[in-house]
Structure formats: structure tokens, C-alpha cells
Amino acid sequence: MAHIHTQPGQYDLTVSAYIIALPTTGSSGASLVSTDSTDPHQPTGSARTAGSVSQSHPSHPHGQPRSHAPAPRVLLHRHKTLGVLIQPGGHVELDETPWQTVAHEVREETGYDLDQLSVLQPRGGLTELTGDIVHPQPVVLRSFPFGDLPHLHTDLAFAFTTVESPRHEVGACESHEFVWLTREELRQLPDYETYPDVKQVIDHIFGHVMTTWEQAPATNYRLDPPATRQLGFDRA
């Protein structure tokens, strides 16, 4: 959607989805990830991937990448305005919760449904509150400038894992350039291809979140809005 709070010093609320493909094996022990040996480290304008965009599905992040030593890989796409590789995400609309935004942005920009994903959560976190809708905890809550625009963004970043390929085609108006990168490939990505904070968040997910947080089905978290309620005391 379009930016909402566009005046200098104002903040737009956004969400980000860092989707990590986990290596899987079949009964034979062979890797189920698909094959593509293209070089992920190419300059802007070259749709080069580490096995991300299948030739049979040019508008899809289908096909998790091959590796002789399978490793988790993160999905990035080339932002159509900024021209760099970043995580999927978008603006929280005025009539939706951040988790509703996650659901539709992930579907539109990657083709994944929430039932194909697990969301990484700290162990022992709150999952229920009386009368409230409890959303997953983000990996990081941060504020930052967006390009050269005068306003800023406050972003809720969520980390997901999957062993599936996307169920749907990417939206026609969305970016169709994708890469699946290992932690080491991300570290080697040239500075002109992404932002330092994107690398730092993903490195934190690979190095800490994936080893200390637990996977929860993303569908465990409700998409309906909270019900209107009365205060439980007399305000007179």
C-alpha cells in the first residue's frame, strides 16, 4: 500500500518477513532442495540467484537452492523502488493488525501461505491474554529512514522457517527477482546489493534466533481483529 504518514518526522508502521528455507532429506537421504548453480553475487539488473527462481516458474521463488552440504537459506527480493535486495514486507494499513499485514504481504510478495510457515518465537512467551489477540513476538522492533523520503518507518521484523515451495504465484505488481542465500553467501554480498542492517538482522537470526527460539505454526496466531469490550470498572 501507499505510505500513510508522509510528513517530515512522521512514522509509518511496517512489517518484515525473514523466511528461512530449512534443508530437508527424503527417505533415501538425498537432498530435496532443487538444483541451480548460478552465482548469487551479481550487480543490480542481473536476475542471478542461488537457486531461487525456477525456469518453469519465472515469477516464483520456487526451488530451494542446492548445496553439497545443505544449509538454511534466507529469501530476499529486489525492492522495486530501492533497487536492492531486502526481505519481503509492507505497510500496516489503518484497518488491519500487523499480523494481518504479514499474512497478505507474504502471500502477495512470495506466494507463501501462513500454513506453510513456522514462526520463530522465544520459549515461554505469552500466547494468550484475556480479551486480547496476542501476536507473535518480532525478532526486532526498529525505526529507520526510508530512502530519501522525509518520513521514517517503524518496523516489526518476524522470522519464519519452511520446508516447502510457495503455493501461489507472486503478485503481478510485485518484484520477481529473488535470491535464496546461506549465511556465508549473505556475508559476501556486495554493499551495493543490500543494506548493512538487513545483513545484521539476518545474521542474528541465523546465529541466535534459530538456535535458541522455537518453531511455532504461523497459523497458531489469529488473524481476526480483537472484539470491542467495555472497561470493567466505573469511570464516573
C-alpha atoms as a PDB file:
ATOM      1  CA  MET A   1       0.000   0.000   0.000  1.00  0.00           C
ATOM      2  CA  ALA A   2       0.991   3.670  -0.205  1.00  0.00           C
ATOM      3  CA  HIS A   3       2.802   5.452   2.592  1.00  0.00           C
ATOM      4  CA  ILE A   4       0.376   6.856   5.193  1.00  0.00           C
ATOM      5  CA  HIS A   5       2.323   9.276   7.393  1.00  0.00           C
ATOM      6  CA  THR A   6       4.388  11.216   4.873  1.00  0.00           C
ATOM      7  CA  GLN A   7       5.260  14.474   6.625  1.00  0.00           C
ATOM      8  CA  PRO A   8       8.784  15.120   7.949  1.00  0.00           C
ATOM      9  CA  GLY A   9       9.296  13.417  11.302  1.00  0.00           C
ATOM     10  CA  GLN A  10       6.242  11.155  10.963  1.00  0.00           C
ATOM     11  CA  TYR A  11       6.448   7.346  11.185  1.00  0.00           C
ATOM     12  CA  ASP A  12       4.821   4.625   9.096  1.00  0.00           C
ATOM     13  CA  LEU A  13       4.324   1.193  10.717  1.00  0.00           C
ATOM     14  CA  THR A  14       5.641  -1.689   8.604  1.00  0.00           C
ATOM     15  CA  VAL A  15       6.277  -5.433   8.902  1.00  0.00           C
ATOM     16  CA  SER A  16       9.105  -7.587   7.557  1.00  0.00           C
ATOM     17  CA  ALA A  17       9.215 -11.338   6.923  1.00  0.00           C
ATOM     18  CA  TYR A  18      12.567 -13.115   7.019  1.00  0.00           C
ATOM     19  CA  ILE A  19      11.786 -16.550   5.552  1.00  0.00           C
ATOM     20  CA  ILE A  20      14.402 -19.261   6.104  1.00  0.00           C
ATOM     21  CA  ALA A  21      14.284 -22.432   3.986  1.00  0.00           C
ATOM     22  CA  LEU A  22      15.482 -25.399   6.010  1.00  0.00           C
ATOM     23  CA  PRO A  23      17.326 -28.252   4.270  1.00  0.00           C
ATOM     24  CA  THR A  24      15.280 -31.441   4.115  1.00  0.00           C
ATOM     25  CA  THR A  25      16.027 -35.027   3.148  1.00  0.00           C
ATOM     26  CA  GLY A  26      13.869 -37.801   1.767  1.00  0.00           C
ATOM     27  CA  SER A  27      13.786 -41.438   2.755  1.00  0.00           C
ATOM     28  CA  SER A  28      16.823 -42.104   0.574  1.00  0.00           C
ATOM     29  CA  GLY A  29      18.781 -39.417   2.383  1.00  0.00           C
ATOM     30  CA  ALA A  30      19.039 -37.331  -0.791  1.00  0.00           C
ATOM     31  CA  SER A  31      18.501 -33.609  -0.509  1.00  0.00           C
ATOM     32  CA  LEU A  32      15.046 -32.459  -1.573  1.00  0.00           C
ATOM     33  CA  VAL A  33      16.221 -28.947  -2.387  1.00  0.00           C
ATOM     34  CA  SER A  34      16.238 -28.192  -6.098  1.00  0.00           C
ATOM     35  CA  THR A  35      19.290 -27.507  -8.212  1.00  0.00           C
ATOM     36  CA  ASP A  36      20.681 -24.318  -9.643  1.00  0.00           C
ATOM     37  CA  SER A  37      24.341 -23.317  -9.611  1.00  0.00           C
ATOM     38  CA  THR A  38      24.021 -19.686 -10.701  1.00  0.00           C
ATOM     39  CA  ASP A  39      26.118 -17.117  -8.873  1.00  0.00           C
ATOM     40  CA  PRO A  40      24.077 -15.058  -6.380  1.00  0.00           C
ATOM     41  CA  HIS A  41      26.618 -12.251  -6.303  1.00  0.00           C
ATOM     42  CA  GLN A  42      25.812 -10.195  -9.375  1.00  0.00           C
ATOM     43  CA  PRO A  43      25.265  -6.454  -9.832  1.00  0.00           C
ATOM     44  CA  THR A  44      21.871  -4.801  -9.866  1.00  0.00           C
ATOM     45  CA  GLY A  45      19.908  -5.580 -13.004  1.00  0.00           C
ATOM     46  CA  SER A  46      21.089  -9.189 -13.294  1.00  0.00           C
ATOM     47  CA  ALA A  47      18.460 -11.600 -12.041  1.00  0.00           C
ATOM     48  CA  ARG A  48      21.026 -14.046 -10.705  1.00  0.00           C
ATOM     49  CA  THR A  49      20.040 -16.354  -7.889  1.00  0.00           C
ATOM     50  CA  ALA A  50      21.281 -19.127  -5.693  1.00  0.00           C
ATOM     51  CA  GLY A  51      18.616 -21.486  -6.964  1.00  0.00           C
ATOM     52  CA  SER A  52      15.695 -19.236  -6.169  1.00  0.00           C
ATOM     53  CA  VAL A  53      13.728 -18.674  -9.366  1.00  0.00           C
ATOM     54  CA  SER A  54      12.871 -21.835 -11.237  1.00  0.00           C
ATOM     55  CA  GLN A  55      12.962 -21.657 -15.024  1.00  0.00           C
ATOM     56  CA  SER A  56       9.482 -23.185 -15.143  1.00  0.00           C
ATOM     57  CA  HIS A  57       8.127 -20.559 -12.740  1.00  0.00           C
ATOM     58  CA  PRO A  58       9.842 -17.287 -13.660  1.00  0.00           C
ATOM     59  CA  SER A  59       7.665 -15.237 -11.274  1.00  0.00           C
ATOM     60  CA  HIS A  60       8.126 -17.575  -8.330  1.00  0.00           C
ATOM     61  CA  PRO A  61      10.658 -18.018  -5.524  1.00  0.00           C
ATOM     62  CA  HIS A  62      10.201 -21.763  -6.241  1.00  0.00           C
ATOM     63  CA  GLY A  63      13.031 -24.176  -5.774  1.00  0.00           C
ATOM     64  CA  GLN A  64      15.122 -24.034  -2.650  1.00  0.00           C
ATOM     65  CA  PRO A  65      18.800 -23.971  -3.600  1.00  0.00           C
ATOM     66  CA  ARG A  66      21.135 -26.889  -3.956  1.00  0.00           C
ATOM     67  CA  SER A  67      24.076 -27.326  -1.646  1.00  0.00           C
ATOM     68  CA  HIS A  68      26.591 -30.167  -1.365  1.00  0.00           C
ATOM     69  CA  ALA A  69      26.355 -29.501   2.388  1.00  0.00           C
ATOM     70  CA  PRO A  70      22.730 -28.335   2.757  1.00  0.00           C
ATOM     71  CA  ALA A  71      22.369 -25.194   4.832  1.00  0.00           C
ATOM     72  CA  PRO A  72      19.476 -22.910   5.765  1.00  0.00           C
ATOM     73  CA  ARG A  73      18.906 -20.103   3.278  1.00  0.00           C
ATOM     74  CA  VAL A  74      17.042 -16.814   3.567  1.00  0.00           C
ATOM     75  CA  LEU A  75      14.715 -15.429   0.901  1.00  0.00           C
ATOM     76  CA  LEU A  76      15.335 -11.880  -0.340  1.00  0.00           C
ATOM     77  CA  HIS A  77      13.829  -9.999  -3.253  1.00  0.00           C
ATOM     78  CA  ARG A  78      14.928  -6.918  -5.135  1.00  0.00           C
ATOM     79  CA  HIS A  79      12.848  -3.962  -3.973  1.00  0.00           C
ATOM     80  CA  LYS A  80      11.258  -2.289  -6.995  1.00  0.00           C
ATOM     81  CA  THR A  81      11.817   1.243  -5.659  1.00  0.00           C
ATOM     82  CA  LEU A  82      15.083   0.925  -3.755  1.00  0.00           C
ATOM     83  CA  GLY A  83      16.726  -1.466  -6.230  1.00  0.00           C
ATOM     84  CA  VAL A  84      18.458  -3.527  -3.521  1.00  0.00           C
ATOM     85  CA  LEU A  85      17.899  -6.984  -2.064  1.00  0.00           C
ATOM     86  CA  ILE A  86      15.793  -6.909   1.108  1.00  0.00           C
ATOM     87  CA  GLN A  87      13.260  -9.064   2.922  1.00  0.00           C
ATOM     88  CA  PRO A  88       9.572  -9.121   1.908  1.00  0.00           C
ATOM     89  CA  GLY A  89       7.225  -6.878   3.846  1.00  0.00           C
ATOM     90  CA  GLY A  90       4.974  -3.856   3.675  1.00  0.00           C
ATOM     91  CA  HIS A  91       2.946  -1.155   5.365  1.00  0.00           C
ATOM     92  CA  VAL A  92       0.347  -1.853   8.037  1.00  0.00           C
ATOM     93  CA  GLU A  93      -2.923  -0.432   6.782  1.00  0.00           C
ATOM     94  CA  LEU A  94      -5.155   1.641   9.046  1.00  0.00           C
ATOM     95  CA  ASP A  95      -7.788  -1.109   9.285  1.00  0.00           C
ATOM     96  CA  GLU A  96      -5.592  -4.138   9.944  1.00  0.00           C
ATOM     97  CA  THR A  97      -3.347  -5.636  12.605  1.00  0.00           C
ATOM     98  CA  PRO A  98       0.381  -6.127  11.938  1.00  0.00           C
ATOM     99  CA  TRP A  99      -0.162  -9.905  11.743  1.00  0.00           C
ATOM    100  CA  GLN A 100      -2.858  -9.440   9.098  1.00  0.00           C
ATOM    101  CA  THR A 101      -0.339  -7.373   7.152  1.00  0.00           C
ATOM    102  CA  VAL A 102       2.212 -10.156   7.443  1.00  0.00           C
ATOM    103  CA  ALA A 103      -0.291 -12.664   6.037  1.00  0.00           C
ATOM    104  CA  HIS A 104      -1.215 -10.706   2.928  1.00  0.00           C
ATOM    105  CA  GLU A 105       2.242  -9.257   2.214  1.00  0.00           C
ATOM    106  CA  VAL A 106       3.887 -12.688   2.435  1.00  0.00           C
ATOM    107  CA  ARG A 107       1.219 -14.131   0.135  1.00  0.00           C
ATOM    108  CA  GLU A 108       1.498 -11.301  -2.413  1.00  0.00           C
ATOM    109  CA  GLU A 109       5.291 -10.941  -2.416  1.00  0.00           C
ATOM    110  CA  THR A 110       6.438 -14.565  -2.027  1.00  0.00           C
ATOM    111  CA  GLY A 111       3.479 -16.846  -2.785  1.00  0.00           C
ATOM    112  CA  TYR A 112       3.593 -18.449   0.671  1.00  0.00           C
ATOM    113  CA  ASP A 113       0.520 -19.002   2.836  1.00  0.00           C
ATOM    114  CA  LEU A 114       0.928 -18.872   6.607  1.00  0.00           C
ATOM    115  CA  ASP A 115       0.086 -22.574   6.903  1.00  0.00           C
ATOM    116  CA  GLN A 116       3.336 -23.298   5.012  1.00  0.00           C
ATOM    117  CA  LEU A 117       5.435 -21.435   7.563  1.00  0.00           C
ATOM    118  CA  SER A 118       6.561 -21.707  11.158  1.00  0.00           C
ATOM    119  CA  VAL A 119       7.263 -18.502  13.053  1.00  0.00           C
ATOM    120  CA  LEU A 120      10.265 -18.437  15.388  1.00  0.00           C
ATOM    121  CA  GLN A 121       9.325 -17.468  18.943  1.00  0.00           C
ATOM    122  CA  PRO A 122      11.164 -17.176  22.275  1.00  0.00           C
ATOM    123  CA  ARG A 123      10.496 -20.094  24.582  1.00  0.00           C
ATOM    124  CA  GLY A 124       7.917 -19.403  27.273  1.00  0.00           C
ATOM    125  CA  GLY A 125       6.458 -16.316  25.582  1.00  0.00           C
ATOM    126  CA  LEU A 126       2.872 -15.163  26.133  1.00  0.00           C
ATOM    127  CA  THR A 127       0.408 -16.742  23.711  1.00  0.00           C
ATOM    128  CA  GLU A 128      -2.909 -15.796  25.335  1.00  0.00           C
ATOM    129  CA  LEU A 129      -4.354 -12.793  27.174  1.00  0.00           C
ATOM    130  CA  THR A 130      -7.968 -12.437  28.244  1.00  0.00           C
ATOM    131  CA  GLY A 131      -9.881 -10.372  25.706  1.00  0.00           C
ATOM    132  CA  ASP A 132      -6.819  -9.692  23.559  1.00  0.00           C
ATOM    133  CA  ILE A 133      -5.393 -11.021  20.308  1.00  0.00           C
ATOM    134  CA  VAL A 134      -1.776 -11.999  21.002  1.00  0.00           C
ATOM    135  CA  HIS A 135       0.539 -11.688  18.013  1.00  0.00           C
ATOM    136  CA  PRO A 136       3.937 -13.369  17.608  1.00  0.00           C
ATOM    137  CA  GLN A 137       6.930 -11.553  19.033  1.00  0.00           C
ATOM    138  CA  PRO A 138       9.155  -9.934  16.410  1.00  0.00           C
ATOM    139  CA  VAL A 139      12.858 -10.625  16.173  1.00  0.00           C
ATOM    140  CA  VAL A 140      13.484  -6.897  16.298  1.00  0.00           C
ATOM    141  CA  LEU A 141      11.440  -3.699  16.538  1.00  0.00           C
ATOM    142  CA  ARG A 142      13.314  -0.820  14.914  1.00  0.00           C
ATOM    143  CA  SER A 143      12.914   2.623  13.344  1.00  0.00           C
ATOM    144  CA  PHE A 144      14.861   3.905  10.347  1.00  0.00           C
ATOM    145  CA  PRO A 145      14.709   6.326   7.397  1.00  0.00           C
ATOM    146  CA  PHE A 146      13.236   5.028   4.128  1.00  0.00           C
ATOM    147  CA  GLY A 147      15.397   6.024   1.186  1.00  0.00           C
ATOM    148  CA  ASP A 148      15.452   9.780   0.740  1.00  0.00           C
ATOM    149  CA  LEU A 149      11.852  10.352   1.883  1.00  0.00           C
ATOM    150  CA  PRO A 150      11.332  12.827   4.753  1.00  0.00           C
ATOM    151  CA  HIS A 151       9.354  10.411   6.948  1.00  0.00           C
ATOM    152  CA  LEU A 152      10.543   7.283   8.740  1.00  0.00           C
ATOM    153  CA  HIS A 153       9.475   3.679   9.245  1.00  0.00           C
ATOM    154  CA  THR A 154       8.983   1.672  12.418  1.00  0.00           C
ATOM    155  CA  ASP A 155       9.255  -1.996  11.509  1.00  0.00           C
ATOM    156  CA  LEU A 156       8.219  -5.265  13.183  1.00  0.00           C
ATOM    157  CA  ALA A 157      10.528  -7.998  11.835  1.00  0.00           C
ATOM    158  CA  PHE A 158       9.376 -11.627  12.071  1.00  0.00           C
ATOM    159  CA  ALA A 159      11.463 -14.740  11.356  1.00  0.00           C
ATOM    160  CA  PHE A 160       9.936 -17.790   9.663  1.00  0.00           C
ATOM    161  CA  THR A 161      11.093 -21.240   8.631  1.00  0.00           C
ATOM    162  CA  THR A 162       9.750 -23.503   5.894  1.00  0.00           C
ATOM    163  CA  VAL A 163      10.494 -26.761   4.100  1.00  0.00           C
ATOM    164  CA  GLU A 164       8.035 -26.057   1.269  1.00  0.00           C
ATOM    165  CA  SER A 165       7.995 -24.174  -2.006  1.00  0.00           C
ATOM    166  CA  PRO A 166       5.459 -21.330  -2.354  1.00  0.00           C
ATOM    167  CA  ARG A 167       1.909 -22.380  -3.131  1.00  0.00           C
ATOM    168  CA  HIS A 168       0.982 -19.337  -5.241  1.00  0.00           C
ATOM    169  CA  GLU A 169       2.364 -17.125  -7.951  1.00  0.00           C
ATOM    170  CA  VAL A 170       3.879 -13.830  -6.848  1.00  0.00           C
ATOM    171  CA  GLY A 171       1.595 -10.838  -7.455  1.00  0.00           C
ATOM    172  CA  ALA A 172       1.885  -9.221 -10.869  1.00  0.00           C
ATOM    173  CA  CYS A 173       2.863  -5.854  -9.375  1.00  0.00           C
ATOM    174  CA  GLU A 174       5.481  -7.311  -7.022  1.00  0.00           C
ATOM    175  CA  SER A 175       9.193  -7.863  -7.525  1.00  0.00           C
ATOM    176  CA  HIS A 176      10.003 -11.044  -9.437  1.00  0.00           C
ATOM    177  CA  GLU A 177      13.724 -11.112  -8.608  1.00  0.00           C
ATOM    178  CA  PHE A 178      14.545 -13.489  -5.757  1.00  0.00           C
ATOM    179  CA  VAL A 179      17.607 -14.991  -4.119  1.00  0.00           C
ATOM    180  CA  TRP A 180      17.968 -17.750  -1.531  1.00  0.00           C
ATOM    181  CA  LEU A 181      21.212 -17.106   0.372  1.00  0.00           C
ATOM    182  CA  THR A 182      23.121 -19.002   3.024  1.00  0.00           C
ATOM    183  CA  ARG A 183      24.587 -17.111   5.950  1.00  0.00           C
ATOM    184  CA  GLU A 184      28.015 -17.109   4.301  1.00  0.00           C
ATOM    185  CA  GLU A 185      26.644 -16.002   0.918  1.00  0.00           C
ATOM    186  CA  LEU A 186      24.828 -13.144   2.640  1.00  0.00           C
ATOM    187  CA  ARG A 187      28.039 -12.037   4.350  1.00  0.00           C
ATOM    188  CA  GLN A 188      29.790 -11.970   0.963  1.00  0.00           C
ATOM    189  CA  LEU A 189      27.023  -9.967  -0.726  1.00  0.00           C
ATOM    190  CA  PRO A 190      28.462  -6.652  -2.003  1.00  0.00           C
ATOM    191  CA  ASP A 191      27.464  -3.496  -0.134  1.00  0.00           C
ATOM    192  CA  TYR A 192      25.659  -2.104  -3.163  1.00  0.00           C
ATOM    193  CA  GLU A 193      23.283  -5.105  -3.198  1.00  0.00           C
ATOM    194  CA  THR A 194      21.704  -4.668   0.262  1.00  0.00           C
ATOM    195  CA  TYR A 195      21.775  -2.620   3.471  1.00  0.00           C
ATOM    196  CA  PRO A 196      24.065  -3.330   6.441  1.00  0.00           C
ATOM    197  CA  ASP A 197      21.127  -3.589   8.855  1.00  0.00           C
ATOM    198  CA  VAL A 198      19.480  -6.236   6.653  1.00  0.00           C
ATOM    199  CA  LYS A 199      22.656  -8.321   6.911  1.00  0.00           C
ATOM    200  CA  GLN A 200      22.833  -7.751  10.665  1.00  0.00           C
ATOM    201  CA  VAL A 201      19.236  -8.827  11.319  1.00  0.00           C
ATOM    202  CA  ILE A 202      19.612 -11.969   9.211  1.00  0.00           C
ATOM    203  CA  ASP A 203      22.950 -12.831  10.787  1.00  0.00           C
ATOM    204  CA  HIS A 204      21.286 -12.520  14.207  1.00  0.00           C
ATOM    205  CA  ILE A 205      18.511 -14.870  13.054  1.00  0.00           C
ATOM    206  CA  PHE A 206      20.995 -17.436  11.762  1.00  0.00           C
ATOM    207  CA  GLY A 207      23.353 -17.166  14.722  1.00  0.00           C
ATOM    208  CA  HIS A 208      20.992 -16.749  17.683  1.00  0.00           C
ATOM    209  CA  VAL A 209      17.277 -16.929  16.954  1.00  0.00           C
ATOM    210  CA  MET A 210      17.379 -20.238  15.078  1.00  0.00           C
ATOM    211  CA  THR A 211      19.336 -21.892  17.881  1.00  0.00           C
ATOM    212  CA  THR A 212      17.528 -20.520  20.938  1.00  0.00           C
ATOM    213  CA  TRP A 213      13.938 -19.811  19.827  1.00  0.00           C
ATOM    214  CA  GLU A 214      11.362 -22.453  18.934  1.00  0.00           C
ATOM    215  CA  GLN A 215       9.279 -23.002  15.813  1.00  0.00           C
ATOM    216  CA  ALA A 216       5.523 -22.478  16.152  1.00  0.00           C
ATOM    217  CA  PRO A 217       2.984 -22.947  13.359  1.00  0.00           C
ATOM    218  CA  ALA A 218       2.241 -19.486  11.996  1.00  0.00           C
ATOM    219  CA  THR A 219      -1.448 -20.397  11.916  1.00  0.00           C
ATOM    220  CA  ASN A 220      -1.427 -20.623  15.734  1.00  0.00           C
ATOM    221  CA  TYR A 221      -1.812 -16.853  15.727  1.00  0.00           C
ATOM    222  CA  ARG A 222      -5.206 -15.383  14.949  1.00  0.00           C
ATOM    223  CA  LEU A 223      -5.922 -13.084  12.023  1.00  0.00           C
ATOM    224  CA  ASP A 224      -9.268 -11.778  13.275  1.00  0.00           C
ATOM    225  CA  PRO A 225      -9.401  -8.360  14.969  1.00  0.00           C
ATOM    226  CA  PRO A 226      -9.962  -8.059  18.726  1.00  0.00           C
ATOM    227  CA  ALA A 227     -13.548  -7.703  19.858  1.00  0.00           C
ATOM    228  CA  THR A 228     -14.815  -4.418  21.269  1.00  0.00           C
ATOM    229  CA  ARG A 229     -15.123  -4.562  25.045  1.00  0.00           C
ATOM    230  CA  GLN A 230     -16.254  -2.388  27.925  1.00  0.00           C
ATOM    231  CA  LEU A 231     -13.921  -1.368  30.727  1.00  0.00           C
ATOM    232  CA  GLY A 232     -14.535  -3.455  33.839  1.00  0.00           C
ATOM    233  CA  PHE A 233     -14.895  -0.530  36.226  1.00  0.00           C
ATOM    234  CA  ASP A 234     -16.976   2.612  36.721  1.00  0.00           C
ATOM    235  CA  ARG A 235     -15.152   5.627  35.301  1.00  0.00           C
ATOM    236  CA  ALA A 236     -17.520   8.150  36.924  1.00  0.00           C
END
